[in-house]
PDB file of N, CA and C in Angstrom:
ATOM      1  N   MET A   1       8.279  -7.414  -9.967  1.00  0.00           N
ATOM      2  CA  MET A   1       7.871  -7.227  -8.582  1.00  0.00           C
ATOM      3  C   MET A   1       9.085  -6.818  -7.755  1.00  0.00           C
ATOM      4  N   LEU A   2       8.946  -5.743  -7.016  1.00  0.00           N
ATOM      5  CA  LEU A   2       9.990  -5.272  -6.123  1.00  0.00           C
ATOM      6  C   LEU A   2      10.047  -6.192  -4.912  1.00  0.00           C
ATOM      7  N   THR A   3      11.254  -6.568  -4.491  1.00  0.00           N
ATOM      8  CA  THR A   3      11.356  -7.432  -3.312  1.00  0.00           C
ATOM      9  C   THR A   3      10.959  -6.641  -2.059  1.00  0.00           C
ATOM     10  N   PRO A   4      10.342  -7.283  -1.106  1.00  0.00           N
ATOM     11  CA  PRO A   4       9.884  -6.590   0.096  1.00  0.00           C
ATOM     12  C   PRO A   4      11.009  -5.823   0.803  1.00  0.00           C
ATOM     13  N   GLU A   5      12.194  -6.385   0.815  1.00  0.00           N
ATOM     14  CA  GLU A   5      13.326  -5.775   1.501  1.00  0.00           C
ATOM     15  C   GLU A   5      13.713  -4.418   0.922  1.00  0.00           C
ATOM     16  N   LYS A   6      13.325  -4.151  -0.325  1.00  0.00           N
ATOM     17  CA  LYS A   6      13.691  -2.890  -0.974  1.00  0.00           C
ATOM     18  C   LYS A   6      12.623  -1.807  -0.824  1.00  0.00           C
ATOM     19  N   VAL A   7      11.502  -2.134  -0.188  1.00  0.00           N
ATOM     20  CA  VAL A   7      10.446  -1.146   0.039  1.00  0.00           C
ATOM     21  C   VAL A   7      10.885  -0.250   1.200  1.00  0.00           C
ATOM     22  N   GLN A   8      10.796   1.051   1.004  1.00  0.00           N
ATOM     23  CA  GLN A   8      11.184   2.003   2.039  1.00  0.00           C
ATOM     24  C   GLN A   8      10.425   1.714   3.329  1.00  0.00           C
ATOM     25  N   GLY A   9      11.143   1.624   4.444  1.00  0.00           N
ATOM     26  CA  GLY A   9      10.541   1.363   5.750  1.00  0.00           C
ATOM     27  C   GLY A   9      10.577  -0.097   6.161  1.00  0.00           C
ATOM     28  N   PHE A  10      10.892  -0.998   5.245  1.00  0.00           N
ATOM     29  CA  PHE A  10      10.893  -2.432   5.564  1.00  0.00           C
ATOM     30  C   PHE A  10      11.822  -2.738   6.731  1.00  0.00           C
ATOM     31  N   LYS A  11      12.979  -2.120   6.748  1.00  0.00           N
ATOM     32  CA  LYS A  11      13.976  -2.411   7.792  1.00  0.00           C
ATOM     33  C   LYS A  11      13.487  -2.041   9.186  1.00  0.00           C
ATOM     34  N   ASN A  12      12.462  -1.205   9.272  1.00  0.00           N
ATOM     35  CA  ASN A  12      11.939  -0.772  10.571  1.00  0.00           C
ATOM     36  C   ASN A  12      10.754  -1.606  11.057  1.00  0.00           C
ATOM     37  N   LEU A  13      10.355  -2.626  10.319  1.00  0.00           N
ATOM     38  CA  LEU A  13       9.158  -3.396  10.662  1.00  0.00           C
ATOM     39  C   LEU A  13       9.360  -4.387  11.799  1.00  0.00           C
ATOM     40  N   GLY A  14      10.572  -4.796  12.041  1.00  0.00           N
ATOM     41  CA  GLY A  14      10.836  -5.747  13.125  1.00  0.00           C
ATOM     42  C   GLY A  14      10.041  -7.028  12.974  1.00  0.00           C
ATOM     43  N   VAL A  15       9.220  -7.362  13.986  1.00  0.00           N
ATOM     44  CA  VAL A  15       8.466  -8.617  13.994  1.00  0.00           C
ATOM     45  C   VAL A  15       7.412  -8.671  12.889  1.00  0.00           C
ATOM     46  N   ASN A  16       7.072  -7.540  12.289  1.00  0.00           N
ATOM     47  CA  ASN A  16       6.061  -7.506  11.227  1.00  0.00           C
ATOM     48  C   ASN A  16       6.638  -7.735   9.831  1.00  0.00           C
ATOM     49  N   ALA A  17       7.939  -7.906   9.734  1.00  0.00           N
ATOM     50  CA  ALA A  17       8.590  -8.059   8.430  1.00  0.00           C
ATOM     51  C   ALA A  17       8.093  -9.300   7.681  1.00  0.00           C
ATOM     52  N   GLU A  18       7.966 -10.418   8.376  1.00  0.00           N
ATOM     53  CA  GLU A  18       7.526 -11.652   7.712  1.00  0.00           C
ATOM     54  C   GLU A  18       6.081 -11.531   7.237  1.00  0.00           C
ATOM     55  N   MET A  19       5.244 -10.888   8.038  1.00  0.00           N
ATOM     56  CA  MET A  19       3.854 -10.677   7.622  1.00  0.00           C
ATOM     57  C   MET A  19       3.815  -9.816   6.363  1.00  0.00           C
ATOM     58  N   PHE A  20       4.640  -8.778   6.312  1.00  0.00           N
ATOM     59  CA  PHE A  20       4.658  -7.907   5.136  1.00  0.00           C
ATOM     60  C   PHE A  20       5.110  -8.676   3.897  1.00  0.00           C
ATOM     61  N   LYS A  21       6.107  -9.523   4.038  1.00  0.00           N
ATOM     62  CA  LYS A  21       6.565 -10.329   2.893  1.00  0.00           C
ATOM     63  C   LYS A  21       5.419 -11.184   2.352  1.00  0.00           C
ATOM     64  N   ALA A  22       4.703 -11.866   3.241  1.00  0.00           N
ATOM     65  CA  ALA A  22       3.585 -12.716   2.824  1.00  0.00           C
ATOM     66  C   ALA A  22       2.468 -11.872   2.220  1.00  0.00           C
ATOM     67  N   PHE A  23       2.165 -10.730   2.845  1.00  0.00           N
ATOM     68  CA  PHE A  23       1.148  -9.831   2.306  1.00  0.00           C
ATOM     69  C   PHE A  23       1.502  -9.392   0.888  1.00  0.00           C
ATOM     70  N   LEU A  24       2.734  -8.948   0.673  1.00  0.00           N
ATOM     71  CA  LEU A  24       3.109  -8.412  -0.637  1.00  0.00           C
ATOM     72  C   LEU A  24       2.957  -9.473  -1.721  1.00  0.00           C
ATOM     73  N   GLU A  25       3.326 -10.700  -1.414  1.00  0.00           N
ATOM     74  CA  GLU A  25       3.134 -11.788  -2.380  1.00  0.00           C
ATOM     75  C   GLU A  25       1.646 -12.002  -2.655  1.00  0.00           C
ATOM     76  N   ASN A  26       0.825 -12.043  -1.617  1.00  0.00           N
ATOM     77  CA  ASN A  26      -0.624 -12.214  -1.799  1.00  0.00           C
ATOM     78  C   ASN A  26      -1.238 -11.039  -2.549  1.00  0.00           C
ATOM     79  N   PHE A  27      -0.777  -9.835  -2.246  1.00  0.00           N
ATOM     80  CA  PHE A  27      -1.293  -8.637  -2.902  1.00  0.00           C
ATOM     81  C   PHE A  27      -1.029  -8.694  -4.408  1.00  0.00           C
ATOM     82  N   TYR A  28       0.204  -8.985  -4.784  1.00  0.00           N
ATOM     83  CA  TYR A  28       0.532  -9.105  -6.212  1.00  0.00           C
ATOM     84  C   TYR A  28      -0.284 -10.218  -6.868  1.00  0.00           C
ATOM     85  N   ASN A  29      -0.411 -11.345  -6.193  1.00  0.00           N
ATOM     86  CA  ASN A  29      -1.136 -12.476  -6.766  1.00  0.00           C
ATOM     87  C   ASN A  29      -2.637 -12.229  -6.895  1.00  0.00           C
ATOM     88  N   SER A  30      -3.152 -11.221  -6.203  1.00  0.00           N
ATOM     89  CA  SER A  30      -4.578 -10.922  -6.289  1.00  0.00           C
ATOM     90  C   SER A  30      -4.930 -10.115  -7.537  1.00  0.00           C
ATOM     91  N   TRP A  31      -3.931  -9.667  -8.267  1.00  0.00           N
ATOM     92  CA  TRP A  31      -4.146  -8.859  -9.476  1.00  0.00           C
ATOM     93  C   TRP A  31      -3.762  -9.639 -10.718  1.00  0.00           C
ATOM     94  N   GLY A  32      -4.327  -9.257 -11.850  1.00  0.00           N
ATOM     95  CA  GLY A  32      -3.954  -9.840 -13.133  1.00  0.00           C
ATOM     96  C   GLY A  32      -2.594  -9.322 -13.575  1.00  0.00           C
ATOM     97  N   LEU A  33      -2.059  -9.929 -14.606  1.00  0.00           N
ATOM     98  CA  LEU A  33      -0.717  -9.579 -15.072  1.00  0.00           C
ATOM     99  C   LEU A  33      -0.598  -8.116 -15.489  1.00  0.00           C
ATOM    100  N   GLU A  34      -1.597  -7.591 -16.173  1.00  0.00           N
ATOM    101  CA  GLU A  34      -1.537  -6.197 -16.628  1.00  0.00           C
ATOM    102  C   GLU A  34      -1.458  -5.242 -15.438  1.00  0.00           C
ATOM    103  N   ALA A  35      -2.298  -5.455 -14.452  1.00  0.00           N
ATOM    104  CA  ALA A  35      -2.301  -4.591 -13.265  1.00  0.00           C
ATOM    105  C   ALA A  35      -1.002  -4.727 -12.481  1.00  0.00           C
ATOM    106  N   ARG A  36      -0.487  -5.943 -12.346  1.00  0.00           N
ATOM    107  CA  ARG A  36       0.757  -6.173 -11.596  1.00  0.00           C
ATOM    108  C   ARG A  36       1.901  -5.334 -12.143  1.00  0.00           C
ATOM    109  N   GLU A  37       1.931  -5.173 -13.448  1.00  0.00           N
ATOM    110  CA  GLU A  37       3.022  -4.419 -14.071  1.00  0.00           C
ATOM    111  C   GLU A  37       3.008  -2.951 -13.669  1.00  0.00           C
ATOM    112  N   THR A  38       1.870  -2.435 -13.217  1.00  0.00           N
ATOM    113  CA  THR A  38       1.782  -1.015 -12.861  1.00  0.00           C
ATOM    114  C   THR A  38       1.996  -0.759 -11.374  1.00  0.00           C
ATOM    115  N   ILE A  39       2.060  -1.812 -10.549  1.00  0.00           N
ATOM    116  CA  ILE A  39       2.208  -1.643  -9.101  1.00  0.00           C
ATOM    117  C   ILE A  39       3.638  -1.233  -8.769  1.00  0.00           C
ATOM    118  N   GLN A  40       3.760  -0.122  -8.064  1.00  0.00           N
ATOM    119  CA  GLN A  40       5.061   0.383  -7.625  1.00  0.00           C
ATOM    120  C   GLN A  40       5.011   0.632  -6.122  1.00  0.00           C
ATOM    121  N   PRO A  41       5.522  -0.296  -5.308  1.00  0.00           N
ATOM    122  CA  PRO A  41       5.553  -0.065  -3.864  1.00  0.00           C
ATOM    123  C   PRO A  41       6.370   1.183  -3.539  1.00  0.00           C
ATOM    124  N   ILE A  42       5.871   1.986  -2.611  1.00  0.00           N
ATOM    125  CA  ILE A  42       6.568   3.202  -2.202  1.00  0.00           C
ATOM    126  C   ILE A  42       7.142   3.041  -0.802  1.00  0.00           C
ATOM    127  N   SER A  43       6.259   2.707   0.171  1.00  0.00           N
ATOM    128  CA  SER A  43       6.744   2.589   1.549  1.00  0.00           C
ATOM    129  C   SER A  43       5.794   1.749   2.384  1.00  0.00           C
ATOM    130  N   VAL A  44       6.303   1.339   3.545  1.00  0.00           N
ATOM    131  CA  VAL A  44       5.507   0.601   4.518  1.00  0.00           C
ATOM    132  C   VAL A  44       5.926   1.069   5.903  1.00  0.00           C
ATOM    133  N   LYS A  45       4.950   1.185   6.808  1.00  0.00           N
ATOM    134  CA  LYS A  45       5.295   1.532   8.187  1.00  0.00           C
ATOM    135  C   LYS A  45       4.254   0.967   9.141  1.00  0.00           C
ATOM    136  N   PHE A  46       4.694   0.704  10.349  1.00  0.00           N
ATOM    137  CA  PHE A  46       3.827   0.208  11.412  1.00  0.00           C
ATOM    138  C   PHE A  46       3.092   1.391  12.021  1.00  0.00           C
ATOM    139  N   VAL A  47       1.772   1.252  12.195  1.00  0.00           N
ATOM    140  CA  VAL A  47       0.948   2.312  12.782  1.00  0.00           C
ATOM    141  C   VAL A  47       0.150   1.724  13.941  1.00  0.00           C
ATOM    142  N   LYS A  48       0.234   2.371  15.084  1.00  0.00           N
ATOM    143  CA  LYS A  48      -0.577   1.968  16.238  1.00  0.00           C
ATOM    144  C   LYS A  48      -1.507   3.136  16.535  1.00  0.00           C
ATOM    145  N   GLU A  49      -2.779   2.992  16.169  1.00  0.00           N
ATOM    146  CA  GLU A  49      -3.736   4.084  16.335  1.00  0.00           C
ATOM    147  C   GLU A  49      -4.246   4.217  17.755  1.00  0.00           C
ATOM    148  N   ARG A  50      -4.518   3.097  18.382  1.00  0.00           N
ATOM    149  CA  ARG A  50      -5.026   3.093  19.753  1.00  0.00           C
ATOM    150  C   ARG A  50      -4.713   1.717  20.342  1.00  0.00           C
ATOM    151  N   PRO A  51      -4.836   1.559  21.642  1.00  0.00           N
ATOM    152  CA  PRO A  51      -4.547   0.249  22.240  1.00  0.00           C
ATOM    153  C   PRO A  51      -5.377  -0.857  21.581  1.00  0.00           C
ATOM    154  N   GLY A  52      -4.716  -1.905  21.182  1.00  0.00           N
ATOM    155  CA  GLY A  52      -5.395  -3.040  20.573  1.00  0.00           C
ATOM    156  C   GLY A  52      -5.657  -2.910  19.082  1.00  0.00           C
ATOM    157  N   TYR A  53      -5.277  -1.786  18.464  1.00  0.00           N
ATOM    158  CA  TYR A  53      -5.492  -1.629  17.029  1.00  0.00           C
ATOM    159  C   TYR A  53      -4.239  -1.087  16.365  1.00  0.00           C
ATOM    160  N   SER A  54      -3.607  -1.934  15.578  1.00  0.00           N
ATOM    161  CA  SER A  54      -2.430  -1.531  14.826  1.00  0.00           C
ATOM    162  C   SER A  54      -2.494  -2.172  13.448  1.00  0.00           C
ATOM    163  N   TYR A  55      -1.733  -1.628  12.533  1.00  0.00           N
ATOM    164  CA  TYR A  55      -1.694  -2.128  11.162  1.00  0.00           C
ATOM    165  C   TYR A  55      -0.420  -1.646  10.489  1.00  0.00           C
ATOM    166  N   LEU A  56      -0.158  -2.199   9.322  1.00  0.00           N
ATOM    167  CA  LEU A  56       0.914  -1.689   8.489  1.00  0.00           C
ATOM    168  C   LEU A  56       0.274  -0.792   7.436  1.00  0.00           C
ATOM    169  N   ARG A  57       0.834   0.385   7.257  1.00  0.00           N
ATOM    170  CA  ARG A  57       0.365   1.270   6.192  1.00  0.00           C
ATOM    171  C   ARG A  57       1.281   1.025   4.996  1.00  0.00           C
ATOM    172  N   PHE A  58       0.674   0.557   3.906  1.00  0.00           N
ATOM    173  CA  PHE A  58       1.412   0.252   2.680  1.00  0.00           C
ATOM    174  C   PHE A  58       1.031   1.277   1.623  1.00  0.00           C
ATOM    175  N   ASP A  59       1.976   2.125   1.244  1.00  0.00           N
ATOM    176  CA  ASP A  59       1.767   3.119   0.198  1.00  0.00           C
ATOM    177  C   ASP A  59       2.337   2.580  -1.101  1.00  0.00           C
ATOM    178  N   TYR A  60       1.596   2.768  -2.176  1.00  0.00           N
ATOM    179  CA  TYR A  60       2.031   2.280  -3.480  1.00  0.00           C
ATOM    180  C   TYR A  60       1.389   3.113  -4.574  1.00  0.00           C
ATOM    181  N   LYS A  61       1.875   2.914  -5.762  1.00  0.00           N
ATOM    182  CA  LYS A  61       1.326   3.575  -6.935  1.00  0.00           C
ATOM    183  C   LYS A  61       0.818   2.477  -7.862  1.00  0.00           C
ATOM    184  N   MET A  62      -0.376   2.679  -8.424  1.00  0.00           N
ATOM    185  CA  MET A  62      -0.949   1.701  -9.349  1.00  0.00           C
ATOM    186  C   MET A  62      -1.677   2.458 -10.443  1.00  0.00           C
ATOM    187  N   TYR A  63      -1.398   2.121 -11.670  1.00  0.00           N
ATOM    188  CA  TYR A  63      -1.946   2.850 -12.811  1.00  0.00           C
ATOM    189  C   TYR A  63      -1.674   4.347 -12.672  1.00  0.00           C
ATOM    190  N   GLY A  64      -0.518   4.682 -12.093  1.00  0.00           N
ATOM    191  CA  GLY A  64      -0.116   6.074 -11.970  1.00  0.00           C
ATOM    192  C   GLY A  64      -0.755   6.845 -10.831  1.00  0.00           C
ATOM    193  N   ARG A  65      -1.607   6.200 -10.038  1.00  0.00           N
ATOM    194  CA  ARG A  65      -2.281   6.871  -8.914  1.00  0.00           C
ATOM    195  C   ARG A  65      -1.676   6.426  -7.586  1.00  0.00           C
ATOM    196  N   ASN A  66      -1.511   7.369  -6.687  1.00  0.00           N
ATOM    197  CA  ASN A  66      -1.046   7.028  -5.343  1.00  0.00           C
ATOM    198  C   ASN A  66      -2.198   6.418  -4.554  1.00  0.00           C
ATOM    199  N   GLU A  67      -1.926   5.299  -3.899  1.00  0.00           N
ATOM    200  CA  GLU A  67      -2.914   4.569  -3.097  1.00  0.00           C
ATOM    201  C   GLU A  67      -2.243   4.148  -1.795  1.00  0.00           C
ATOM    202  N   TRP A  68      -3.039   3.751  -0.812  1.00  0.00           N
ATOM    203  CA  TRP A  68      -2.476   3.122   0.379  1.00  0.00           C
ATOM    204  C   TRP A  68      -3.495   2.187   0.995  1.00  0.00           C
ATOM    205  N   LEU A  69      -2.968   1.230   1.754  1.00  0.00           N
ATOM    206  CA  LEU A  69      -3.797   0.199   2.372  1.00  0.00           C
ATOM    207  C   LEU A  69      -3.477   0.045   3.847  1.00  0.00           C
ATOM    208  N   HIS A  70      -4.500  -0.360   4.620  1.00  0.00           N
ATOM    209  CA  HIS A  70      -4.311  -0.877   5.970  1.00  0.00           C
ATOM    210  C   HIS A  70      -4.025  -2.366   5.790  1.00  0.00           C
ATOM    211  N   VAL A  71      -2.905  -2.845   6.261  1.00  0.00           N
ATOM    212  CA  VAL A  71      -2.576  -4.271   6.187  1.00  0.00           C
ATOM    213  C   VAL A  71      -2.630  -4.817   7.607  1.00  0.00           C
ATOM    214  N   THR A  72      -3.565  -5.724   7.853  1.00  0.00           N
ATOM    215  CA  THR A  72      -3.727  -6.278   9.192  1.00  0.00           C
ATOM    216  C   THR A  72      -3.309  -7.739   9.289  1.00  0.00           C
ATOM    217  N   GLY A  73      -2.967  -8.343   8.162  1.00  0.00           N
ATOM    218  CA  GLY A  73      -2.506  -9.725   8.129  1.00  0.00           C
ATOM    219  C   GLY A  73      -2.019 -10.055   6.729  1.00  0.00           C
ATOM    220  N   PRO A  74      -1.394 -11.211   6.546  1.00  0.00           N
ATOM    221  CA  PRO A  74      -0.882 -11.593   5.239  1.00  0.00           C
ATOM    222  C   PRO A  74      -1.947 -11.641   4.157  1.00  0.00           C
ATOM    223  N   SER A  75      -3.187 -11.940   4.532  1.00  0.00           N
ATOM    224  CA  SER A  75      -4.276 -12.038   3.561  1.00  0.00           C
ATOM    225  C   SER A  75      -5.406 -11.071   3.879  1.00  0.00           C
ATOM    226  N   THR A  76      -5.133 -10.083   4.718  1.00  0.00           N
ATOM    227  CA  THR A  76      -6.180  -9.154   5.137  1.00  0.00           C
ATOM    228  C   THR A  76      -5.704  -7.726   4.974  1.00  0.00           C
ATOM    229  N   TRP A  77      -6.382  -7.005   4.084  1.00  0.00           N
ATOM    230  CA  TRP A  77      -6.083  -5.597   3.870  1.00  0.00           C
ATOM    231  C   TRP A  77      -7.308  -4.880   3.366  1.00  0.00           C
ATOM    232  N   TYR A  78      -7.327  -3.584   3.576  1.00  0.00           N
ATOM    233  CA  TYR A  78      -8.431  -2.768   3.070  1.00  0.00           C
ATOM    234  C   TYR A  78      -7.948  -1.354   2.826  1.00  0.00           C
TER     235      TYR A  78
END
């Protein structure tokens, strides 16, 4: 597992850094061992789409495919 601090964009998260750390641990723990071995975090960034709606965009590779998630909390993503 890559440490959160080494994910591109982590240093720019500011107040969202702790949430991302908790999310990444929960995200890895939600998968079985085989799947975890294929997860490669690429980047994370804060996105504010409109007033009152923001999220972290987490880009990663899993089973060789590029994926990304909306992260809205340590245990909430889609």
